């Protein structure tokens, strides 16, 4: 018999083998996280905050710059950064009784901190009204700006120009 005592199943499909293999895997909000991810640890978690504290998450440079909206404030768009845009959206939903926040767009970056500050700077330089990280801008325009963001050519801050 080729497979021994497997009842005709391939050995990797045995329930005991699957259970052992799954104990070594990581899922965050139902999404599989590969073992080469910098924050990998086995288990099932509802969010990255369930798996790690904020200090550990902030050590990872890569992630997303996202655009989030809410129909209660049309034309106002939150421009932020996160390890996972969907995970961040779920965090916003907990503060809304209507669960009406929605993800407009997200773009991955190797350095999400730098990318977020670049897009904030670009929006401010264009004279777009802001309140914290919320900008009064059309979603289509915000997506265009985010998708065409060039991180290699960043304008100097006023403080950089005066300190030289």
N, C-alpha and C. Protein backbone atom coordinates (compact mmCIF):
# COMPACT_ATOMS: atom_id res chain seq x y z
N UNK A 1 0.84 -1.18 0.00
CA UNK A 1 0.00 0.00 0.00
C UNK A 1 0.89 1.25 0.00
N UNK A 2 0.65 2.15 -0.92
CA UNK A 2 1.52 3.30 -1.11
C UNK A 2 1.43 4.32 0.02
N UNK A 3 0.26 4.54 0.57
CA UNK A 3 0.07 5.59 1.57
C UNK A 3 -0.08 5.08 3.00
N UNK A 4 0.12 3.85 3.21
CA UNK A 4 -0.01 3.31 4.56
C UNK A 4 -1.44 3.41 5.04
N UNK A 5 -1.64 3.82 6.29
CA UNK A 5 -2.96 3.89 6.90
C UNK A 5 -3.56 5.29 6.71
N UNK A 6 -3.87 5.64 5.47
CA UNK A 6 -4.42 6.98 5.19
C UNK A 6 -5.82 6.92 4.63
N UNK A 7 -6.39 5.74 4.53
CA UNK A 7 -7.73 5.58 3.96
C UNK A 7 -7.83 6.17 2.56
N UNK A 8 -6.74 6.05 1.80
CA UNK A 8 -6.76 6.51 0.42
C UNK A 8 -6.47 7.97 0.24
N UNK A 9 -6.26 8.73 1.34
CA UNK A 9 -5.96 10.16 1.23
C UNK A 9 -4.45 10.36 1.14
N UNK A 10 -4.06 11.42 0.48
CA UNK A 10 -2.66 11.81 0.44
C UNK A 10 -2.24 12.15 1.86
N UNK A 11 -1.02 11.81 2.26
CA UNK A 11 -0.62 11.94 3.65
C UNK A 11 -0.72 13.37 4.19
N UNK A 12 -0.53 14.38 3.33
CA UNK A 12 -0.62 15.76 3.81
C UNK A 12 -2.05 16.19 4.09
N UNK A 13 -3.04 15.42 3.63
CA UNK A 13 -4.43 15.76 3.86
C UNK A 13 -5.01 15.10 5.11
N UNK A 14 -4.22 14.33 5.81
CA UNK A 14 -4.73 13.71 7.03
C UNK A 14 -5.09 14.80 8.04
N UNK A 15 -6.19 14.68 8.72
CA UNK A 15 -6.62 15.72 9.67
C UNK A 15 -5.55 16.07 10.71
N UNK A 16 -4.85 15.08 11.22
CA UNK A 16 -3.82 15.33 12.22
C UNK A 16 -2.67 16.15 11.63
N UNK A 17 -2.30 15.85 10.40
CA UNK A 17 -1.23 16.59 9.73
C UNK A 17 -1.66 18.03 9.46
N UNK A 18 -2.90 18.22 9.02
CA UNK A 18 -3.42 19.56 8.79
C UNK A 18 -3.44 20.38 10.07
N UNK A 19 -3.87 19.75 11.16
CA UNK A 19 -3.94 20.43 12.45
C UNK A 19 -2.55 20.89 12.89
N UNK A 20 -1.56 20.03 12.77
CA UNK A 20 -0.19 20.39 13.15
C UNK A 20 0.35 21.51 12.26
N UNK A 21 0.07 21.42 10.97
CA UNK A 21 0.54 22.45 10.04
C UNK A 21 -0.13 23.79 10.35
N UNK A 22 -1.42 23.78 10.65
CA UNK A 22 -2.14 25.02 10.94
C UNK A 22 -1.69 25.67 12.24
N UNK A 23 -1.18 24.88 13.17
CA UNK A 23 -0.69 25.45 14.42
C UNK A 23 0.55 26.32 14.19
N UNK A 24 1.24 26.12 13.08
CA UNK A 24 2.45 26.88 12.75
C UNK A 24 2.15 28.07 11.84
N UNK A 25 0.90 28.29 11.48
CA UNK A 25 0.53 29.37 10.55
C UNK A 25 -0.02 30.57 11.30
N UNK A 26 -0.01 31.72 10.61
CA UNK A 26 -0.55 32.95 11.19
C UNK A 26 -1.63 33.51 10.29
N UNK A 27 -2.73 33.93 10.91
CA UNK A 27 -3.81 34.62 10.21
C UNK A 27 -4.15 35.89 10.99
N UNK A 28 -4.37 36.96 10.24
CA UNK A 28 -4.83 38.22 10.84
C UNK A 28 -6.10 38.61 10.08
N UNK A 29 -7.21 38.66 10.80
CA UNK A 29 -8.50 38.99 10.21
C UNK A 29 -8.82 38.09 9.03
N UNK A 30 -8.49 36.81 9.16
CA UNK A 30 -8.78 35.83 8.12
C UNK A 30 -7.77 35.78 6.99
N UNK A 31 -6.79 36.67 7.00
CA UNK A 31 -5.78 36.71 5.94
C UNK A 31 -4.52 35.97 6.40
N UNK A 32 -4.04 35.04 5.56
CA UNK A 32 -2.84 34.27 5.87
C UNK A 32 -1.61 35.18 5.81
N UNK A 33 -0.74 35.07 6.81
CA UNK A 33 0.49 35.85 6.87
C UNK A 33 1.66 34.88 6.71
N UNK A 34 2.50 35.07 5.69
CA UNK A 34 3.60 34.12 5.47
C UNK A 34 4.65 34.19 6.57
N UNK A 35 5.41 33.12 6.69
CA UNK A 35 6.41 33.03 7.76
C UNK A 35 7.55 34.02 7.59
N UNK A 36 7.76 34.56 6.39
CA UNK A 36 8.84 35.53 6.21
C UNK A 36 8.42 36.96 6.54
N UNK A 37 7.18 37.16 6.95
CA UNK A 37 6.72 38.50 7.36
C UNK A 37 7.44 38.88 8.66
N UNK A 38 7.88 40.14 8.80
CA UNK A 38 8.64 40.53 9.99
C UNK A 38 7.87 40.39 11.31
N UNK A 39 6.55 40.39 11.27
CA UNK A 39 5.77 40.25 12.50
C UNK A 39 5.12 38.87 12.64
N UNK A 40 5.62 37.90 11.88
CA UNK A 40 5.02 36.56 11.92
C UNK A 40 5.12 35.96 13.32
N UNK A 41 4.03 35.40 13.77
CA UNK A 41 4.01 34.51 14.92
C UNK A 41 2.77 33.64 14.78
N UNK A 42 2.87 32.37 15.09
CA UNK A 42 1.74 31.46 14.87
C UNK A 42 0.50 31.87 15.66
N UNK A 43 -0.65 31.70 15.03
CA UNK A 43 -1.91 31.96 15.72
C UNK A 43 -2.94 32.62 14.81
N UNK A 44 -4.13 32.76 15.33
CA UNK A 44 -5.23 33.45 14.64
C UNK A 44 -5.57 34.70 15.44
N UNK A 45 -5.56 35.85 14.74
CA UNK A 45 -5.76 37.12 15.41
C UNK A 45 -6.79 37.93 14.64
N UNK A 46 -7.60 38.71 15.35
CA UNK A 46 -8.60 39.56 14.70
C UNK A 46 -7.98 40.79 14.07
N UNK A 47 -6.86 41.27 14.63
CA UNK A 47 -6.19 42.46 14.09
C UNK A 47 -4.71 42.36 14.43
N UNK A 48 -3.92 43.24 13.84
CA UNK A 48 -2.50 43.27 14.17
C UNK A 48 -2.30 43.67 15.62
N UNK A 49 -3.18 44.51 16.18
CA UNK A 49 -3.05 44.91 17.57
C UNK A 49 -3.31 43.74 18.51
N UNK A 50 -4.11 42.77 18.07
CA UNK A 50 -4.30 41.57 18.89
C UNK A 50 -3.04 40.72 18.94
N UNK A 51 -2.26 40.76 17.87
CA UNK A 51 -1.06 39.94 17.79
C UNK A 51 0.15 40.64 18.42
N UNK A 52 0.24 41.94 18.24
CA UNK A 52 1.42 42.69 18.68
C UNK A 52 1.02 44.02 19.28
N UNK A 53 1.93 44.60 20.07
CA UNK A 53 1.69 45.94 20.58
C UNK A 53 2.11 46.96 19.52
N UNK A 54 1.71 48.20 19.70
CA UNK A 54 1.97 49.25 18.71
C UNK A 54 3.47 49.49 18.49
N UNK A 55 4.28 49.34 19.53
CA UNK A 55 5.72 49.54 19.38
C UNK A 55 6.30 48.54 18.38
N UNK A 56 5.88 47.30 18.47
CA UNK A 56 6.37 46.27 17.55
C UNK A 56 5.89 46.55 16.13
N UNK A 57 4.64 46.97 15.99
CA UNK A 57 4.08 47.26 14.67
C UNK A 57 4.80 48.45 14.04
N UNK A 58 5.09 49.47 14.83
CA UNK A 58 5.74 50.66 14.30
C UNK A 58 7.17 50.39 13.84
N UNK A 59 7.80 49.32 14.34
CA UNK A 59 9.15 48.98 13.92
C UNK A 59 9.20 48.50 12.47
N UNK A 60 8.09 47.99 11.97
CA UNK A 60 8.02 47.53 10.58
C UNK A 60 7.79 48.74 9.69
N UNK A 61 8.70 48.96 8.76
CA UNK A 61 8.62 50.17 7.92
C UNK A 61 7.61 50.02 6.79
N UNK A 62 7.51 48.84 6.22
CA UNK A 62 6.62 48.66 5.06
C UNK A 62 5.17 48.66 5.50
N UNK A 63 4.30 48.94 4.55
CA UNK A 63 2.87 48.96 4.83
C UNK A 63 2.14 49.74 3.76
N UNK A 64 1.03 50.33 4.13
CA UNK A 64 0.16 51.01 3.18
C UNK A 64 -0.09 52.46 3.58
N UNK A 65 -0.26 53.28 2.57
CA UNK A 65 -0.87 54.59 2.77
C UNK A 65 -2.28 54.44 2.22
N UNK A 66 -3.26 54.83 3.01
CA UNK A 66 -4.66 54.56 2.65
C UNK A 66 -5.48 55.84 2.61
N UNK A 67 -6.60 55.74 1.93
CA UNK A 67 -7.60 56.80 1.88
C UNK A 67 -8.90 56.20 2.41
N UNK A 68 -9.43 56.78 3.46
CA UNK A 68 -10.67 56.30 4.07
C UNK A 68 -11.70 57.43 4.04
N UNK A 69 -12.94 57.08 3.78
CA UNK A 69 -14.02 58.05 3.76
C UNK A 69 -15.18 57.63 4.63
N UNK A 70 -16.12 58.56 4.80
CA UNK A 70 -17.33 58.29 5.56
C UNK A 70 -18.43 59.15 4.95
N UNK A 71 -19.60 58.56 4.64
CA UNK A 71 -20.67 59.34 4.02
C UNK A 71 -21.19 60.48 4.89
N UNK A 72 -20.92 60.44 6.18
CA UNK A 72 -21.35 61.54 7.05
C UNK A 72 -20.57 62.82 6.76
N UNK A 73 -19.36 62.68 6.20
CA UNK A 73 -18.53 63.84 5.86
C UNK A 73 -18.10 63.70 4.40
N UNK A 74 -19.01 63.98 3.47
CA UNK A 74 -18.66 63.83 2.06
C UNK A 74 -17.51 64.77 1.69
N UNK A 75 -16.68 64.31 0.82
CA UNK A 75 -15.50 65.04 0.31
C UNK A 75 -14.34 65.09 1.30
N UNK A 76 -14.55 64.73 2.57
CA UNK A 76 -13.45 64.68 3.53
C UNK A 76 -12.86 63.28 3.48
N UNK A 77 -11.55 63.20 3.30
CA UNK A 77 -10.87 61.90 3.17
C UNK A 77 -9.72 61.84 4.17
N UNK A 78 -9.67 60.75 4.89
CA UNK A 78 -8.57 60.51 5.84
C UNK A 78 -7.42 59.90 5.07
N UNK A 79 -6.25 60.52 5.17
CA UNK A 79 -5.03 60.01 4.54
C UNK A 79 -4.12 59.55 5.67
N UNK A 80 -3.91 58.25 5.74
CA UNK A 80 -3.11 57.71 6.84
C UNK A 80 -2.23 56.57 6.41
N UNK A 81 -1.56 55.97 7.38
CA UNK A 81 -0.65 54.85 7.12
C UNK A 81 -1.00 53.71 8.07
N UNK A 82 -0.73 52.51 7.62
CA UNK A 82 -0.98 51.34 8.46
C UNK A 82 -0.23 50.15 7.89
N UNK A 83 -0.04 49.17 8.73
CA UNK A 83 0.55 47.91 8.28
C UNK A 83 -0.41 47.23 7.32
N UNK A 84 -1.70 47.30 7.62
CA UNK A 84 -2.75 46.74 6.78
C UNK A 84 -3.90 47.75 6.71
N UNK A 85 -4.25 48.15 5.50
CA UNK A 85 -5.32 49.13 5.33
C UNK A 85 -6.67 48.58 5.80
N UNK A 86 -6.93 47.30 5.52
CA UNK A 86 -8.19 46.69 5.94
C UNK A 86 -8.29 46.60 7.45
N UNK A 87 -7.18 46.29 8.09
CA UNK A 87 -7.15 46.22 9.54
C UNK A 87 -7.43 47.60 10.14
N UNK A 88 -6.85 48.63 9.56
CA UNK A 88 -7.07 49.99 10.04
C UNK A 88 -8.53 50.40 9.84
N UNK A 89 -9.11 50.02 8.70
CA UNK A 89 -10.52 50.31 8.45
C UNK A 89 -11.39 49.66 9.52
N UNK A 90 -11.09 48.43 9.89
CA UNK A 90 -11.87 47.75 10.93
C UNK A 90 -11.76 48.48 12.27
N UNK A 91 -10.61 49.08 12.55
CA UNK A 91 -10.47 49.85 13.79
C UNK A 91 -11.38 51.08 13.76
N UNK A 92 -11.48 51.72 12.61
CA UNK A 92 -12.39 52.87 12.49
C UNK A 92 -13.84 52.44 12.69
N UNK A 93 -14.19 51.28 12.17
CA UNK A 93 -15.58 50.81 12.27
C UNK A 93 -16.03 50.67 13.71
N UNK A 94 -15.11 50.35 14.61
CA UNK A 94 -15.51 50.16 16.01
C UNK A 94 -15.98 51.46 16.65
N UNK A 95 -15.54 52.61 16.10
CA UNK A 95 -15.97 53.88 16.68
C UNK A 95 -17.23 54.43 16.02
N UNK A 96 -17.75 53.72 15.04
CA UNK A 96 -18.95 54.20 14.33
C UNK A 96 -20.12 53.25 14.57
N UNK A 97 -21.22 53.76 15.11
CA UNK A 97 -22.37 52.88 15.33
C UNK A 97 -22.97 52.37 14.02
N UNK A 98 -22.71 53.07 12.93
CA UNK A 98 -23.28 52.67 11.64
C UNK A 98 -22.32 51.82 10.81
N UNK A 99 -21.09 51.69 11.27
CA UNK A 99 -20.06 50.92 10.54
C UNK A 99 -20.00 51.38 9.09
N UNK A 100 -19.94 52.70 8.89
CA UNK A 100 -20.07 53.25 7.55
C UNK A 100 -18.78 53.81 6.96
N UNK A 101 -17.64 53.62 7.63
CA UNK A 101 -16.38 54.01 7.02
C UNK A 101 -16.10 53.06 5.86
N UNK A 102 -15.43 53.59 4.84
CA UNK A 102 -15.11 52.73 3.70
C UNK A 102 -13.71 53.06 3.19
N UNK A 103 -13.06 52.03 2.69
CA UNK A 103 -11.71 52.17 2.15
C UNK A 103 -11.82 52.62 0.70
N UNK A 104 -11.27 53.78 0.40
CA UNK A 104 -11.32 54.31 -0.95
C UNK A 104 -10.19 53.72 -1.78
N UNK A 105 -8.99 53.72 -1.21
CA UNK A 105 -7.82 53.26 -1.95
C UNK A 105 -6.68 53.01 -0.97
N UNK A 106 -5.78 52.13 -1.33
CA UNK A 106 -4.58 51.89 -0.53
C UNK A 106 -3.44 51.52 -1.47
N UNK A 107 -2.26 52.01 -1.14
CA UNK A 107 -1.08 51.72 -1.95
C UNK A 107 0.05 51.26 -1.04
N UNK A 108 0.71 50.16 -1.40
CA UNK A 108 1.81 49.67 -0.56
C UNK A 108 3.09 50.49 -0.77
N UNK A 109 3.86 50.62 0.30
CA UNK A 109 5.14 51.33 0.25
C UNK A 109 6.15 50.58 1.11
N UNK A 110 7.41 50.69 0.74
CA UNK A 110 8.48 50.11 1.56
C UNK A 110 8.66 50.87 2.87
N UNK A 111 8.42 52.20 2.81
CA UNK A 111 8.52 53.04 4.00
C UNK A 111 7.22 53.85 4.12
N UNK A 112 6.28 53.31 4.86
CA UNK A 112 4.95 53.94 4.94
C UNK A 112 5.00 55.29 5.66
N UNK A 113 5.90 55.46 6.62
CA UNK A 113 6.01 56.75 7.32
C UNK A 113 6.42 57.85 6.35
N UNK A 114 7.45 57.57 5.56
CA UNK A 114 7.93 58.56 4.60
C UNK A 114 6.86 58.85 3.54
N UNK A 115 6.21 57.81 3.06
CA UNK A 115 5.18 57.99 2.03
C UNK A 115 4.02 58.82 2.55
N UNK A 116 3.60 58.56 3.78
CA UNK A 116 2.49 59.33 4.35
C UNK A 116 2.86 60.80 4.49
N UNK A 117 4.06 61.08 4.98
CA UNK A 117 4.46 62.49 5.13
C UNK A 117 4.59 63.16 3.77
N UNK A 118 5.01 62.40 2.74
CA UNK A 118 5.11 62.97 1.38
C UNK A 118 3.74 63.34 0.82
N UNK A 119 2.76 62.47 0.99
CA UNK A 119 1.43 62.79 0.44
C UNK A 119 0.78 63.91 1.24
N UNK A 120 0.98 63.94 2.55
CA UNK A 120 0.46 65.06 3.35
C UNK A 120 1.07 66.36 2.86
N UNK A 121 2.38 66.35 2.65
CA UNK A 121 3.07 67.54 2.17
C UNK A 121 2.54 67.96 0.80
N UNK A 122 2.34 67.00 -0.08
CA UNK A 122 1.82 67.30 -1.43
C UNK A 122 0.43 67.93 -1.35
N UNK A 123 -0.43 67.38 -0.53
CA UNK A 123 -1.80 67.91 -0.40
C UNK A 123 -1.78 69.31 0.20
N UNK A 124 -0.94 69.54 1.20
CA UNK A 124 -0.83 70.86 1.82
C UNK A 124 -0.29 71.87 0.81
N UNK A 125 0.73 71.46 0.06
CA UNK A 125 1.32 72.36 -0.94
C UNK A 125 0.32 72.73 -2.04
N UNK A 126 -0.64 71.88 -2.29
CA UNK A 126 -1.68 72.17 -3.28
C UNK A 126 -2.78 73.06 -2.70
N UNK A 127 -2.67 73.39 -1.43
CA UNK A 127 -3.64 74.28 -0.79
C UNK A 127 -4.93 73.60 -0.40
N UNK A 128 -4.90 72.30 -0.24
CA UNK A 128 -6.11 71.55 0.12
C UNK A 128 -6.37 71.71 1.61
N UNK A 129 -7.59 72.07 1.94
CA UNK A 129 -8.01 72.29 3.33
C UNK A 129 -7.86 70.99 4.12
N UNK A 130 -7.39 71.11 5.36
CA UNK A 130 -7.21 69.91 6.18
C UNK A 130 -7.66 70.15 7.60
N UNK A 131 -7.94 69.04 8.27
CA UNK A 131 -8.24 69.03 9.69
C UNK A 131 -7.59 67.76 10.24
N UNK A 132 -6.43 67.91 10.84
CA UNK A 132 -5.67 66.74 11.28
C UNK A 132 -5.15 66.00 10.06
N UNK A 133 -5.56 64.76 9.90
CA UNK A 133 -5.19 63.98 8.72
C UNK A 133 -6.36 63.83 7.75
N UNK A 134 -7.41 64.60 7.94
CA UNK A 134 -8.56 64.60 7.05
C UNK A 134 -8.44 65.77 6.08
N UNK A 135 -8.59 65.47 4.79
CA UNK A 135 -8.42 66.48 3.75
C UNK A 135 -9.73 66.64 2.98
N UNK A 136 -10.05 67.88 2.64
CA UNK A 136 -11.24 68.19 1.86
C UNK A 136 -10.86 68.09 0.37
N UNK A 137 -11.07 66.90 -0.19
CA UNK A 137 -10.63 66.62 -1.55
C UNK A 137 -11.53 65.55 -2.16
N UNK A 138 -11.71 65.62 -3.46
CA UNK A 138 -12.48 64.61 -4.18
C UNK A 138 -11.71 63.29 -4.18
N UNK A 139 -12.40 62.17 -4.05
CA UNK A 139 -11.76 60.86 -3.97
C UNK A 139 -10.92 60.56 -5.21
N UNK A 140 -11.42 60.90 -6.39
CA UNK A 140 -10.68 60.63 -7.63
C UNK A 140 -9.36 61.40 -7.64
N UNK A 141 -9.40 62.66 -7.22
CA UNK A 141 -8.18 63.46 -7.16
C UNK A 141 -7.20 62.90 -6.14
N UNK A 142 -7.70 62.48 -4.99
CA UNK A 142 -6.84 61.92 -3.95
C UNK A 142 -6.16 60.64 -4.44
N UNK A 143 -6.92 59.80 -5.14
CA UNK A 143 -6.34 58.56 -5.69
C UNK A 143 -5.25 58.88 -6.70
N UNK A 144 -5.50 59.84 -7.57
CA UNK A 144 -4.49 60.23 -8.58
C UNK A 144 -3.22 60.71 -7.91
N UNK A 145 -3.36 61.53 -6.88
CA UNK A 145 -2.19 62.06 -6.19
C UNK A 145 -1.42 60.93 -5.51
N UNK A 146 -2.14 60.04 -4.85
CA UNK A 146 -1.47 58.93 -4.17
C UNK A 146 -0.78 58.00 -5.16
N UNK A 147 -1.45 57.69 -6.26
CA UNK A 147 -0.86 56.76 -7.23
C UNK A 147 0.32 57.35 -8.00
N UNK A 148 0.37 58.67 -8.11
CA UNK A 148 1.48 59.30 -8.84
C UNK A 148 2.54 59.86 -7.91
N UNK A 149 2.42 59.57 -6.63
CA UNK A 149 3.37 60.09 -5.64
C UNK A 149 4.77 59.57 -5.95
N UNK A 150 5.70 60.49 -6.10
CA UNK A 150 7.09 60.15 -6.38
C UNK A 150 7.90 60.44 -5.12
N UNK A 151 8.37 59.38 -4.47
CA UNK A 151 9.06 59.55 -3.19
C UNK A 151 10.51 59.99 -3.35
N UNK A 152 11.06 59.86 -4.54
CA UNK A 152 12.47 60.22 -4.72
C UNK A 152 12.65 61.73 -4.85
N UNK A 153 11.58 62.44 -5.26
CA UNK A 153 11.67 63.89 -5.42
C UNK A 153 10.73 64.55 -4.41
N UNK A 154 11.23 64.77 -3.23
CA UNK A 154 10.43 65.39 -2.17
C UNK A 154 10.92 66.80 -1.93
N UNK A 155 10.01 67.71 -1.82
CA UNK A 155 10.38 69.10 -1.57
C UNK A 155 10.91 69.24 -0.15
N UNK A 156 11.82 70.19 0.02
CA UNK A 156 12.36 70.42 1.35
C UNK A 156 11.34 71.15 2.21
N UNK A 157 11.35 70.83 3.49
CA UNK A 157 10.50 71.56 4.44
C UNK A 157 11.06 72.97 4.62
N UNK A 158 10.22 73.85 5.11
CA UNK A 158 10.67 75.22 5.39
C UNK A 158 11.82 75.21 6.38
N UNK A 159 11.75 74.30 7.35
CA UNK A 159 12.81 74.23 8.37
C UNK A 159 14.12 73.78 7.75
N UNK A 160 14.08 72.90 6.76
CA UNK A 160 15.30 72.45 6.09
C UNK A 160 15.94 73.62 5.34
N UNK A 161 15.13 74.46 4.71
CA UNK A 161 15.64 75.58 3.91
C UNK A 161 16.26 76.64 4.81
N UNK A 162 15.68 76.88 5.98
CA UNK A 162 16.19 77.94 6.84
C UNK A 162 17.38 77.50 7.67
N UNK A 163 17.50 76.21 7.90
CA UNK A 163 18.60 75.74 8.77
C UNK A 163 19.89 75.56 8.00
N UNK A 164 19.86 75.61 6.67
CA UNK A 164 21.08 75.42 5.86
C UNK A 164 21.91 76.67 5.83
